[in-house]
């Protein structure tokens, strides 16, 4: 079985493609996960309040001061903002 030039080039191309795919798989499996999870809060009173407030209707939310305060605290914590003083609304 004699190998002609187009067949040889095709085999080389498939070989290089296979090596590239293998290198990609190896690189993707070497992912290092971060070990610092100290900033994650597992059990939080604010989280419980937000879970309760998530299902409120807009009318109920307008009169529920605890939910409004919980969402404001969540926004401040998310955006790393200083707490607003009262009466700035």
C-alpha atoms as a PDB file:
ATOM      1  CA  UNK A   1       0.000   0.000   0.000  1.00  0.00           C
ATOM      2  CA  UNK A   2       1.760   3.114  -1.205  1.00  0.00           C
ATOM      3  CA  UNK A   3       1.044   6.440   0.411  1.00  0.00           C
ATOM      4  CA  UNK A   4       0.654   9.297  -1.994  1.00  0.00           C
ATOM      5  CA  UNK A   5       1.104  12.970  -1.077  1.00  0.00           C
ATOM      6  CA  UNK A   6      -2.592  13.940  -0.457  1.00  0.00           C
ATOM      7  CA  UNK A   7      -3.152  10.903   1.742  1.00  0.00           C
ATOM      8  CA  UNK A   8       0.022  11.612   3.740  1.00  0.00           C
ATOM      9  CA  UNK A   9      -0.955  15.243   4.240  1.00  0.00           C
ATOM     10  CA  UNK A  10      -4.430  14.192   5.341  1.00  0.00           C
ATOM     11  CA  UNK A  11      -2.982  11.789   7.932  1.00  0.00           C
ATOM     12  CA  UNK A  12      -0.638  14.495   9.234  1.00  0.00           C
ATOM     13  CA  UNK A  13      -3.531  16.958   9.473  1.00  0.00           C
ATOM     14  CA  UNK A  14      -5.676  14.460  11.405  1.00  0.00           C
ATOM     15  CA  UNK A  15      -2.746  13.683  13.698  1.00  0.00           C
ATOM     16  CA  UNK A  16      -2.133  17.355  14.474  1.00  0.00           C
ATOM     17  CA  UNK A  17      -5.870  17.904  15.022  1.00  0.00           C
ATOM     18  CA  UNK A  18      -6.003  14.943  17.398  1.00  0.00           C
ATOM     19  CA  UNK A  19      -3.024  16.252  19.348  1.00  0.00           C
ATOM     20  CA  UNK A  20      -4.630  19.700  19.581  1.00  0.00           C
ATOM     21  CA  UNK A  21      -7.880  18.182  20.883  1.00  0.00           C
ATOM     22  CA  UNK A  22      -5.958  16.089  23.402  1.00  0.00           C
ATOM     23  CA  UNK A  23      -4.023  19.150  24.593  1.00  0.00           C
ATOM     24  CA  UNK A  24      -7.300  21.077  25.008  1.00  0.00           C
ATOM     25  CA  UNK A  25      -8.847  18.279  27.062  1.00  0.00           C
ATOM     26  CA  UNK A  26      -5.785  18.055  29.291  1.00  0.00           C
ATOM     27  CA  UNK A  27      -5.761  21.831  29.815  1.00  0.00           C
ATOM     28  CA  UNK A  28      -9.471  21.934  30.658  1.00  0.00           C
ATOM     29  CA  UNK A  29      -9.167  19.131  33.209  1.00  0.00           C
ATOM     30  CA  UNK A  30      -6.355  20.911  35.068  1.00  0.00           C
ATOM     31  CA  UNK A  31      -8.682  23.620  36.367  1.00  0.00           C
ATOM     32  CA  UNK A  32      -7.778  24.785  39.848  1.00  0.00           C
ATOM     33  CA  UNK A  33     -10.713  25.708  42.063  1.00  0.00           C
ATOM     34  CA  UNK A  34     -10.302  28.562  44.537  1.00  0.00           C
ATOM     35  CA  UNK A  35      -9.872  27.401  48.111  1.00  0.00           C
ATOM     36  CA  UNK A  36     -10.727  30.709  49.791  1.00  0.00           C
ATOM     37  CA  UNK A  37     -14.425  30.544  50.639  1.00  0.00           C
ATOM     38  CA  UNK A  38     -14.185  32.599  53.823  1.00  0.00           C
ATOM     39  CA  UNK A  39     -16.349  35.394  52.437  1.00  0.00           C
ATOM     40  CA  UNK A  40     -19.344  33.100  51.831  1.00  0.00           C
ATOM     41  CA  UNK A  41     -21.940  33.291  54.579  1.00  0.00           C
ATOM     42  CA  UNK A  42     -23.777  30.010  54.970  1.00  0.00           C
ATOM     43  CA  UNK A  43     -26.513  30.820  57.494  1.00  0.00           C
ATOM     44  CA  UNK A  44     -27.594  34.415  57.665  1.00  0.00           C
ATOM     45  CA  UNK A  45     -30.641  36.146  59.127  1.00  0.00           C
ATOM     46  CA  UNK A  46     -30.663  38.518  56.146  1.00  0.00           C
ATOM     47  CA  UNK A  47     -30.840  35.547  53.773  1.00  0.00           C
ATOM     48  CA  UNK A  48     -33.921  34.243  55.614  1.00  0.00           C
ATOM     49  CA  UNK A  49     -35.617  37.629  55.443  1.00  0.00           C
ATOM     50  CA  UNK A  50     -34.892  37.934  51.734  1.00  0.00           C
ATOM     51  CA  UNK A  51     -36.302  34.461  51.116  1.00  0.00           C
ATOM     52  CA  UNK A  52     -39.540  35.493  52.800  1.00  0.00           C
ATOM     53  CA  UNK A  53     -39.674  38.841  51.013  1.00  0.00           C
ATOM     54  CA  UNK A  54     -38.978  37.398  47.577  1.00  0.00           C
ATOM     55  CA  UNK A  55     -42.549  36.124  47.243  1.00  0.00           C
ATOM     56  CA  UNK A  56     -44.297  39.344  48.285  1.00  0.00           C
ATOM     57  CA  UNK A  57     -46.522  41.196  45.885  1.00  0.00           C
ATOM     58  CA  UNK A  58     -45.579  44.814  45.114  1.00  0.00           C
ATOM     59  CA  UNK A  59     -48.486  46.033  47.248  1.00  0.00           C
ATOM     60  CA  UNK A  60     -47.326  43.994  50.245  1.00  0.00           C
ATOM     61  CA  UNK A  61     -43.725  45.065  49.703  1.00  0.00           C
ATOM     62  CA  UNK A  62     -44.709  48.741  49.804  1.00  0.00           C
ATOM     63  CA  UNK A  63     -46.035  48.359  53.363  1.00  0.00           C
ATOM     64  CA  UNK A  64     -43.500  45.847  54.720  1.00  0.00           C
ATOM     65  CA  UNK A  65     -40.693  47.864  56.313  1.00  0.00           C
ATOM     66  CA  UNK A  66     -38.732  44.747  57.318  1.00  0.00           C
ATOM     67  CA  UNK A  67     -38.490  43.619  53.690  1.00  0.00           C
ATOM     68  CA  UNK A  68     -37.534  47.080  52.489  1.00  0.00           C
ATOM     69  CA  UNK A  69     -34.766  47.195  55.103  1.00  0.00           C
ATOM     70  CA  UNK A  70     -33.592  43.690  54.179  1.00  0.00           C
ATOM     71  CA  UNK A  71     -33.352  44.529  50.478  1.00  0.00           C
ATOM     72  CA  UNK A  72     -31.524  47.767  51.283  1.00  0.00           C
ATOM     73  CA  UNK A  73     -29.036  45.867  53.452  1.00  0.00           C
ATOM     74  CA  UNK A  74     -28.549  43.317  50.653  1.00  0.00           C
ATOM     75  CA  UNK A  75     -27.870  46.100  48.132  1.00  0.00           C
ATOM     76  CA  UNK A  76     -25.399  47.753  50.489  1.00  0.00           C
ATOM     77  CA  UNK A  77     -23.605  44.456  51.107  1.00  0.00           C
ATOM     78  CA  UNK A  78     -23.537  43.557  47.405  1.00  0.00           C
ATOM     79  CA  UNK A  79     -22.235  46.921  46.243  1.00  0.00           C
ATOM     80  CA  UNK A  80     -20.052  47.363  49.364  1.00  0.00           C
ATOM     81  CA  UNK A  81     -21.707  50.692  50.145  1.00  0.00           C
ATOM     82  CA  UNK A  82     -21.809  52.631  53.375  1.00  0.00           C
ATOM     83  CA  UNK A  83     -25.251  52.571  55.034  1.00  0.00           C
ATOM     84  CA  UNK A  84     -27.463  55.494  54.034  1.00  0.00           C
ATOM     85  CA  UNK A  85     -28.641  57.871  56.704  1.00  0.00           C
ATOM     86  CA  UNK A  86     -32.364  57.987  57.462  1.00  0.00           C
ATOM     87  CA  UNK A  87     -34.491  60.465  55.546  1.00  0.00           C
ATOM     88  CA  UNK A  88     -32.589  60.458  52.232  1.00  0.00           C
ATOM     89  CA  UNK A  89     -35.421  58.906  50.230  1.00  0.00           C
END
